[in-house]
Amino acid sequence: CGLFQGVADLRRRNWDRFPCDASDIHAIVVTHAH
């Protein structure tokens, strides 16, 4: 569940609407802490 970094076009994607309702996601698996 990572953050976009780098050029402005990528960073702006952090503000986009998520493609499904966040409440419909049952679990998130995080591989590491970056």
ModelCIF file with pLDDT and N, C-alpha, C, O atoms, coordinates in Angstrom:
data_MODEL
#
_entry.id   MODEL 
#
_entity.id                         1 
_entity.type                       polymer 
_entity.pdbx_number_of_molecules   1 
#
_entity_poly.entity_id                      1 
_entity_poly.type                           'polypeptide(L)' 
_entity_poly.nstd_linkage                   no 
_entity_poly.nstd_monomer                   no 
_entity_poly.pdbx_seq_one_letter_code       CGLFQGVADLRRRNWDRFPCDASDIHAIVVTHAH 
_entity_poly.pdbx_seq_one_letter_code_can   CGLFQGVADLRRRNWDRFPCDASDIHAIVVTHAH 
_entity_poly.pdbx_strand_id                 A 
#
loop_
_entity_poly_seq.entity_id 
_entity_poly_seq.num 
_entity_poly_seq.mon_id 
_entity_poly_seq.hetero 
1 1  CYS n 
1 2  GLY n 
1 3  LEU n 
1 4  PHE n 
1 5  GLN n 
1 6  GLY n 
1 7  VAL n 
1 8  ALA n 
1 9  ASP n 
1 10 LEU n 
1 11 ARG n 
1 12 ARG n 
1 13 ARG n 
1 14 ASN n 
1 15 TRP n 
1 16 ASP n 
1 17 ARG n 
1 18 PHE n 
1 19 PRO n 
1 20 CYS n 
1 21 ASP n 
1 22 ALA n 
1 23 SER n 
1 24 ASP n 
1 25 ILE n 
1 26 HIS n 
1 27 ALA n 
1 28 ILE n 
1 29 VAL n 
1 30 VAL n 
1 31 THR n 
1 32 HIS n 
1 33 ALA n 
1 34 HIS n 
#
_struct_asym.id          A 
_struct_asym.entity_id   1 
#
loop_
_ma_qa_metric.id 
_ma_qa_metric.mode 
_ma_qa_metric.name 
_ma_qa_metric.software_group_id 
_ma_qa_metric.type 
1 global pLDDT . pLDDT 
2 local  pLDDT . pLDDT 
#
_ma_qa_metric_global.metric_id      1 
_ma_qa_metric_global.metric_value   93.74 
_ma_qa_metric_global.model_id       1 
_ma_qa_metric_global.ordinal_id     1 
#
loop_
_ma_qa_metric_local.label_asym_id 
_ma_qa_metric_local.label_comp_id 
_ma_qa_metric_local.label_seq_id 
_ma_qa_metric_local.metric_id 
_ma_qa_metric_local.metric_value 
_ma_qa_metric_local.model_id 
_ma_qa_metric_local.ordinal_id 
A CYS 1  2 98.00 1 1  
A GLY 2  2 98.00 1 2  
A LEU 3  2 96.00 1 3  
A PHE 4  2 94.00 1 4  
A GLN 5  2 87.00 1 5  
A GLY 6  2 77.00 1 6  
A VAL 7  2 80.00 1 7  
A ALA 8  2 83.00 1 8  
A ASP 9  2 90.00 1 9  
A LEU 10 2 91.00 1 10 
A ARG 11 2 89.00 1 11 
A ARG 12 2 91.00 1 12 
A ARG 13 2 94.00 1 13 
A ASN 14 2 95.00 1 14 
A TRP 15 2 94.00 1 15 
A ASP 16 2 94.00 1 16 
A ARG 17 2 93.00 1 17 
A PHE 18 2 95.00 1 18 
A PRO 19 2 93.00 1 19 
A CYS 20 2 94.00 1 20 
A ASP 21 2 96.00 1 21 
A ALA 22 2 97.00 1 22 
A SER 23 2 97.00 1 23 
A ASP 24 2 97.00 1 24 
A ILE 25 2 98.00 1 25 
A HIS 26 2 97.00 1 26 
A ALA 27 2 98.00 1 27 
A ILE 28 2 98.00 1 28 
A VAL 29 2 98.00 1 29 
A VAL 30 2 98.00 1 30 
A THR 31 2 98.00 1 31 
A HIS 32 2 98.00 1 32 
A ALA 33 2 97.00 1 33 
A HIS 34 2 94.00 1 34 
#
loop_
_atom_site.group_PDB 
_atom_site.id 
_atom_site.type_symbol 
_atom_site.label_atom_id 
_atom_site.label_alt_id 
_atom_site.label_comp_id 
_atom_site.label_asym_id 
_atom_site.label_entity_id 
_atom_site.label_seq_id 
_atom_site.pdbx_PDB_ins_code 
_atom_site.Cartn_x 
_atom_site.Cartn_y 
_atom_site.Cartn_z 
_atom_site.occupancy 
_atom_site.B_iso_or_equiv 
_atom_site.pdbx_formal_charge 
_atom_site.auth_seq_id 
_atom_site.auth_comp_id 
_atom_site.auth_asym_id 
_atom_site.auth_atom_id 
_atom_site.pdbx_PDB_model_num 
ATOM 1   N N  . CYS A 1 1  ? 0.863   -1.182 0.000   1.00 98.00 ? 1  CYS A N  1 
ATOM 2   C CA . CYS A 1 1  ? 0.000   0.000  0.000   1.00 98.00 ? 1  CYS A CA 1 
ATOM 3   C C  . CYS A 1 1  ? 0.900   1.232  0.000   1.00 98.00 ? 1  CYS A C  1 
ATOM 4   O O  . CYS A 1 1  ? 0.921   2.017  0.948   1.00 98.00 ? 1  CYS A O  1 
ATOM 5   N N  . GLY A 1 2  ? 1.650   1.373  -1.112  1.00 98.00 ? 2  GLY A N  1 
ATOM 6   C CA . GLY A 1 2  ? 2.734   2.347  -1.145  1.00 98.00 ? 2  GLY A CA 1 
ATOM 7   C C  . GLY A 1 2  ? 2.346   3.710  -1.646  1.00 98.00 ? 2  GLY A C  1 
ATOM 8   O O  . GLY A 1 2  ? 1.322   3.891  -2.305  1.00 98.00 ? 2  GLY A O  1 
ATOM 9   N N  . LEU A 1 3  ? 3.189   4.663  -1.320  1.00 96.00 ? 3  LEU A N  1 
ATOM 10  C CA . LEU A 1 3  ? 3.034   6.051  -1.736  1.00 96.00 ? 3  LEU A CA 1 
ATOM 11  C C  . LEU A 1 3  ? 3.809   6.266  -3.038  1.00 96.00 ? 3  LEU A C  1 
ATOM 12  O O  . LEU A 1 3  ? 4.913   5.746  -3.201  1.00 96.00 ? 3  LEU A O  1 
ATOM 13  N N  . PHE A 1 4  ? 3.231   7.027  -3.954  1.00 94.00 ? 4  PHE A N  1 
ATOM 14  C CA . PHE A 1 4  ? 3.965   7.432  -5.153  1.00 94.00 ? 4  PHE A CA 1 
ATOM 15  C C  . PHE A 1 4  ? 4.925   8.556  -4.790  1.00 94.00 ? 4  PHE A C  1 
ATOM 16  O O  . PHE A 1 4  ? 4.576   9.476  -4.049  1.00 94.00 ? 4  PHE A O  1 
ATOM 17  N N  . GLN A 1 5  ? 6.144   8.466  -5.325  1.00 87.00 ? 5  GLN A N  1 
ATOM 18  C CA . GLN A 1 5  ? 7.163   9.486  -5.094  1.00 87.00 ? 5  GLN A CA 1 
ATOM 19  C C  . GLN A 1 5  ? 7.791   9.869  -6.428  1.00 87.00 ? 5  GLN A C  1 
ATOM 20  O O  . GLN A 1 5  ? 7.531   9.235  -7.451  1.00 87.00 ? 5  GLN A O  1 
ATOM 21  N N  . GLY A 1 6  ? 8.618   10.910 -6.410  1.00 77.00 ? 6  GLY A N  1 
ATOM 22  C CA . GLY A 1 6  ? 9.347   11.285 -7.619  1.00 77.00 ? 6  GLY A CA 1 
ATOM 23  C C  . GLY A 1 6  ? 8.704   12.451 -8.336  1.00 77.00 ? 6  GLY A C  1 
ATOM 24  O O  . GLY A 1 6  ? 8.373   13.457 -7.709  1.00 77.00 ? 6  GLY A O  1 
ATOM 25  N N  . VAL A 1 7  ? 8.521   12.331 -9.651  1.00 80.00 ? 7  VAL A N  1 
ATOM 26  C CA . VAL A 1 7  ? 8.037   13.442 -10.465 1.00 80.00 ? 7  VAL A CA 1 
ATOM 27  C C  . VAL A 1 7  ? 6.611   13.815 -10.059 1.00 80.00 ? 7  VAL A C  1 
ATOM 28  O O  . VAL A 1 7  ? 5.887   13.016 -9.464  1.00 80.00 ? 7  VAL A O  1 
ATOM 29  N N  . ALA A 1 8  ? 6.229   15.043 -10.394 1.00 83.00 ? 8  ALA A N  1 
ATOM 30  C CA . ALA A 1 8  ? 4.936   15.579 -9.952  1.00 83.00 ? 8  ALA A CA 1 
ATOM 31  C C  . ALA A 1 8  ? 3.761   14.739 -10.427 1.00 83.00 ? 8  ALA A C  1 
ATOM 32  O O  . ALA A 1 8  ? 2.794   14.547 -9.690  1.00 83.00 ? 8  ALA A O  1 
ATOM 33  N N  . ASP A 1 9  ? 3.841   14.233 -11.665 1.00 90.00 ? 9  ASP A N  1 
ATOM 34  C CA . ASP A 1 9  ? 2.729   13.433 -12.186 1.00 90.00 ? 9  ASP A CA 1 
ATOM 35  C C  . ASP A 1 9  ? 2.506   12.187 -11.333 1.00 90.00 ? 9  ASP A C  1 
ATOM 36  O O  . ASP A 1 9  ? 1.365   11.777 -11.125 1.00 90.00 ? 9  ASP A O  1 
ATOM 37  N N  . LEU A 1 10 ? 3.579   11.587 -10.843 1.00 91.00 ? 10 LEU A N  1 
ATOM 38  C CA . LEU A 1 10 ? 3.432   10.430 -9.959  1.00 91.00 ? 10 LEU A CA 1 
ATOM 39  C C  . LEU A 1 10 ? 2.874   10.843 -8.606  1.00 91.00 ? 10 LEU A C  1 
ATOM 40  O O  . LEU A 1 10 ? 1.960   10.201 -8.088  1.00 91.00 ? 10 LEU A O  1 
ATOM 41  N N  . ARG A 1 11 ? 3.410   11.901 -8.036  1.00 89.00 ? 11 ARG A N  1 
ATOM 42  C CA . ARG A 1 11 ? 2.959   12.332 -6.697  1.00 89.00 ? 11 ARG A CA 1 
ATOM 43  C C  . ARG A 1 11 ? 1.476   12.690 -6.706  1.00 89.00 ? 11 ARG A C  1 
ATOM 44  O O  . ARG A 1 11 ? 0.769   12.449 -5.728  1.00 89.00 ? 11 ARG A O  1 
ATOM 45  N N  . ARG A 1 12 ? 1.014   13.260 -7.802  1.00 91.00 ? 12 ARG A N  1 
ATOM 46  C CA . ARG A 1 12 ? -0.407  13.634 -7.888  1.00 91.00 ? 12 ARG A CA 1 
ATOM 47  C C  . ARG A 1 12 ? -1.310  12.403 -7.820  1.00 91.00 ? 12 ARG A C  1 
ATOM 48  O O  . ARG A 1 12 ? -2.470  12.509 -7.423  1.00 91.00 ? 12 ARG A O  1 
ATOM 49  N N  . ARG A 1 13 ? -0.791  11.245 -8.203  1.00 94.00 ? 13 ARG A N  1 
ATOM 50  C CA . ARG A 1 13 ? -1.610  10.032 -8.169  1.00 94.00 ? 13 ARG A CA 1 
ATOM 51  C C  . ARG A 1 13 ? -1.991  9.644  -6.738  1.00 94.00 ? 13 ARG A C  1 
ATOM 52  O O  . ARG A 1 13 ? -2.963  8.917  -6.534  1.00 94.00 ? 13 ARG A O  1 
ATOM 53  N N  . ASN A 1 14 ? -1.239  10.120 -5.753  1.00 95.00 ? 14 ASN A N  1 
ATOM 54  C CA . ASN A 1 14 ? -1.599  9.844  -4.359  1.00 95.00 ? 14 ASN A CA 1 
ATOM 55  C C  . ASN A 1 14 ? -2.947  10.452 -3.990  1.00 95.00 ? 14 ASN A C  1 
ATOM 56  O O  . ASN A 1 14 ? -3.588  10.012 -3.036  1.00 95.00 ? 14 ASN A O  1 
ATOM 57  N N  . TRP A 1 15 ? -3.378  11.467 -4.744  1.00 94.00 ? 15 TRP A N  1 
ATOM 58  C CA . TRP A 1 15 ? -4.633  12.151 -4.448  1.00 94.00 ? 15 TRP A CA 1 
ATOM 59  C C  . TRP A 1 15 ? -5.805  11.582 -5.240  1.00 94.00 ? 15 TRP A C  1 
ATOM 60  O O  . TRP A 1 15 ? -6.950  11.976 -5.018  1.00 94.00 ? 15 TRP A O  1 
ATOM 61  N N  . ASP A 1 16 ? -5.530  10.656 -6.168  1.00 94.00 ? 16 ASP A N  1 
ATOM 62  C CA . ASP A 1 16 ? -6.602  10.075 -6.976  1.00 94.00 ? 16 ASP A CA 1 
ATOM 63  C C  . ASP A 1 16 ? -7.555  9.256  -6.102  1.00 94.00 ? 16 ASP A C  1 
ATOM 64  O O  . ASP A 1 16 ? -7.182  8.737  -5.050  1.00 94.00 ? 16 ASP A O  1 
ATOM 65  N N  . ARG A 1 17 ? -8.787  9.161  -6.573  1.00 93.00 ? 17 ARG A N  1 
ATOM 66  C CA . ARG A 1 17 ? -9.763  8.311  -5.886  1.00 93.00 ? 17 ARG A CA 1 
ATOM 67  C C  . ARG A 1 17 ? -9.325  6.849  -5.988  1.00 93.00 ? 17 ARG A C  1 
ATOM 68  O O  . ARG A 1 17 ? -8.947  6.380  -7.061  1.00 93.00 ? 17 ARG A O  1 
ATOM 69  N N  . PHE A 1 18 ? -9.381  6.135  -4.862  1.00 95.00 ? 18 PHE A N  1 
ATOM 70  C CA . PHE A 1 18 ? -9.001  4.727  -4.884  1.00 95.00 ? 18 PHE A CA 1 
ATOM 71  C C  . PHE A 1 18 ? -10.036 3.952  -5.698  1.00 95.00 ? 18 PHE A C  1 
ATOM 72  O O  . PHE A 1 18 ? -11.227 4.248  -5.604  1.00 95.00 ? 18 PHE A O  1 
ATOM 73  N N  . PRO A 1 19 ? -9.605  2.952  -6.509  1.00 93.00 ? 19 PRO A N  1 
ATOM 74  C CA . PRO A 1 19 ? -10.523 2.310  -7.446  1.00 93.00 ? 19 PRO A CA 1 
ATOM 75  C C  . PRO A 1 19 ? -11.623 1.448  -6.838  1.00 93.00 ? 19 PRO A C  1 
ATOM 76  O O  . PRO A 1 19 ? -12.523 1.015  -7.557  1.00 93.00 ? 19 PRO A O  1 
ATOM 77  N N  . CYS A 1 20 ? -11.574 1.189  -5.535  1.00 94.00 ? 20 CYS A N  1 
ATOM 78  C CA . CYS A 1 20 ? -12.697 0.509  -4.882  1.00 94.00 ? 20 CYS A CA 1 
ATOM 79  C C  . CYS A 1 20 ? -12.903 1.146  -3.513  1.00 94.00 ? 20 CYS A C  1 
ATOM 80  O O  . CYS A 1 20 ? -12.047 1.894  -3.043  1.00 94.00 ? 20 CYS A O  1 
ATOM 81  N N  . ASP A 1 21 ? -14.022 0.857  -2.877  1.00 96.00 ? 21 ASP A N  1 
ATOM 82  C CA . ASP A 1 21 ? -14.261 1.396  -1.545  1.00 96.00 ? 21 ASP A CA 1 
ATOM 83  C C  . ASP A 1 21 ? -13.249 0.798  -0.569  1.00 96.00 ? 21 ASP A C  1 
ATOM 84  O O  . ASP A 1 21 ? -13.091 -0.419 -0.484  1.00 96.00 ? 21 ASP A O  1 
ATOM 85  N N  . ALA A 1 22 ? -12.573 1.671  0.157   1.00 97.00 ? 22 ALA A N  1 
ATOM 86  C CA . ALA A 1 22 ? -11.568 1.190  1.109   1.00 97.00 ? 22 ALA A CA 1 
ATOM 87  C C  . ALA A 1 22 ? -12.185 0.248  2.133   1.00 97.00 ? 22 ALA A C  1 
ATOM 88  O O  . ALA A 1 22 ? -11.519 -0.669 2.614   1.00 97.00 ? 22 ALA A O  1 
ATOM 89  N N  . SER A 1 23 ? -13.447 0.466  2.468   1.00 97.00 ? 23 SER A N  1 
ATOM 90  C CA . SER A 1 23 ? -14.113 -0.372 3.467   1.00 97.00 ? 23 SER A CA 1 
ATOM 91  C C  . SER A 1 23 ? -14.367 -1.792 2.961   1.00 97.00 ? 23 SER A C  1 
ATOM 92  O O  . SER A 1 23 ? -14.659 -2.687 3.754   1.00 97.00 ? 23 SER A O  1 
ATOM 93  N N  . ASP A 1 24 ? -14.257 -2.005 1.645   1.00 97.00 ? 24 ASP A N  1 
ATOM 94  C CA . ASP A 1 24 ? -14.481 -3.335 1.077   1.00 97.00 ? 24 ASP A CA 1 
ATOM 95  C C  . ASP A 1 24 ? -13.227 -4.207 1.087   1.00 97.00 ? 24 ASP A C  1 
ATOM 96  O O  . ASP A 1 24 ? -13.295 -5.395 0.769   1.00 97.00 ? 24 ASP A O  1 
ATOM 97  N N  . ILE A 1 25 ? -12.091 -3.626 1.448   1.00 98.00 ? 25 ILE A N  1 
ATOM 98  C CA . ILE A 1 25 ? -10.846 -4.400 1.501   1.00 98.00 ? 25 ILE A CA 1 
ATOM 99  C C  . ILE A 1 25 ? -10.779 -5.095 2.861   1.00 98.00 ? 25 ILE A C  1 
ATOM 100 O O  . ILE A 1 25 ? -10.878 -4.444 3.902   1.00 98.00 ? 25 ILE A O  1 
ATOM 101 N N  . HIS A 1 26 ? -10.613 -6.399 2.848   1.00 97.00 ? 26 HIS A N  1 
ATOM 102 C CA . HIS A 1 26 ? -10.644 -7.166 4.093   1.00 97.00 ? 26 HIS A CA 1 
ATOM 103 C C  . HIS A 1 26 ? -9.294  -7.176 4.809   1.00 97.00 ? 26 HIS A C  1 
ATOM 104 O O  . HIS A 1 26 ? -9.249  -7.218 6.039   1.00 97.00 ? 26 HIS A O  1 
ATOM 105 N N  . ALA A 1 27 ? -8.202  -7.138 4.056   1.00 98.00 ? 27 ALA A N  1 
ATOM 106 C CA . ALA A 1 27 ? -6.879  -7.189 4.677   1.00 98.00 ? 27 ALA A CA 1 
ATOM 107 C C  . ALA A 1 27 ? -5.858  -6.574 3.736   1.00 98.00 ? 27 ALA A C  1 
ATOM 108 O O  . ALA A 1 27 ? -6.037  -6.562 2.518   1.00 98.00 ? 27 ALA A O  1 
ATOM 109 N N  . ILE A 1 28 ? -4.783  -6.062 4.325   1.00 98.00 ? 28 ILE A N  1 
ATOM 110 C CA . ILE A 1 28 ? -3.642  -5.555 3.564   1.00 98.00 ? 28 ILE A CA 1 
ATOM 111 C C  . ILE A 1 28 ? -2.407  -6.321 4.025   1.00 98.00 ? 28 ILE A C  1 
ATOM 112 O O  . ILE A 1 28 ? -2.138  -6.422 5.222   1.00 98.00 ? 28 ILE A O  1 
ATOM 113 N N  . VAL A 1 29 ? -1.669  -6.854 3.071   1.00 98.00 ? 29 VAL A N  1 
ATOM 114 C CA . VAL A 1 29 ? -0.396  -7.507 3.362   1.00 98.00 ? 29 VAL A CA 1 
ATOM 115 C C  . VAL A 1 29 ? 0.719   -6.528 3.006   1.00 98.00 ? 29 VAL A C  1 
ATOM 116 O O  . VAL A 1 29 ? 0.797   -6.067 1.867   1.00 98.00 ? 29 VAL A O  1 
ATOM 117 N N  . VAL A 1 30 ? 1.577   -6.209 3.967   1.00 98.00 ? 30 VAL A N  1 
ATOM 118 C CA . VAL A 1 30 ? 2.688   -5.283 3.737   1.00 98.00 ? 30 VAL A CA 1 
ATOM 119 C C  . VAL A 1 30 ? 3.991   -6.067 3.761   1.00 98.00 ? 30 VAL A C  1 
ATOM 120 O O  . VAL A 1 30 ? 4.328   -6.693 4.765   1.00 98.00 ? 30 VAL A O  1 
ATOM 121 N N  . THR A 1 31 ? 4.730   -6.031 2.641   1.00 98.00 ? 31 THR A N  1 
ATOM 122 C CA . THR A 1 31 ? 5.950   -6.834 2.544   1.00 98.00 ? 31 THR A CA 1 
ATOM 123 C C  . THR A 1 31 ? 7.099   -6.232 3.333   1.00 98.00 ? 31 THR A C  1 
ATOM 124 O O  . THR A 1 31 ? 7.929   -6.965 3.870   1.00 98.00 ? 31 THR A O  1 
ATOM 125 N N  . HIS A 1 32 ? 7.161   -4.893 3.412   1.00 98.00 ? 32 HIS A N  1 
ATOM 126 C CA . HIS A 1 32 ? 8.236   -4.269 4.196   1.00 98.00 ? 32 HIS A CA 1 
ATOM 127 C C  . HIS A 1 32 ? 7.933   -2.796 4.390   1.00 98.00 ? 32 HIS A C  1 
ATOM 128 O O  . HIS A 1 32 ? 6.931   -2.282 3.893   1.00 98.00 ? 32 HIS A O  1 
ATOM 129 N N  . ALA A 1 33 ? 8.815   -2.121 5.119   1.00 97.00 ? 33 ALA A N  1 
ATOM 130 C CA . ALA A 1 33 ? 8.478   -0.819 5.684   1.00 97.00 ? 33 ALA A CA 1 
ATOM 131 C C  . ALA A 1 33 ? 8.983   0.382  4.900   1.00 97.00 ? 33 ALA A C  1 
ATOM 132 O O  . ALA A 1 33 ? 9.057   1.475  5.462   1.00 97.00 ? 33 ALA A O  1 
ATOM 133 N N  . HIS A 1 34 ? 9.330   0.230  3.638   1.00 94.00 ? 34 HIS A N  1 
ATOM 134 C CA . HIS A 1 34 ? 9.688   1.414  2.871   1.00 94.00 ? 34 HIS A CA 1 
ATOM 135 C C  . HIS A 1 34 ? 8.428   2.145  2.413   1.00 94.00 ? 34 HIS A C  1 
ATOM 136 O O  . HIS A 1 34 ? 8.520   3.177  1.748   1.00 94.00 ? 34 HIS A O  1 
#
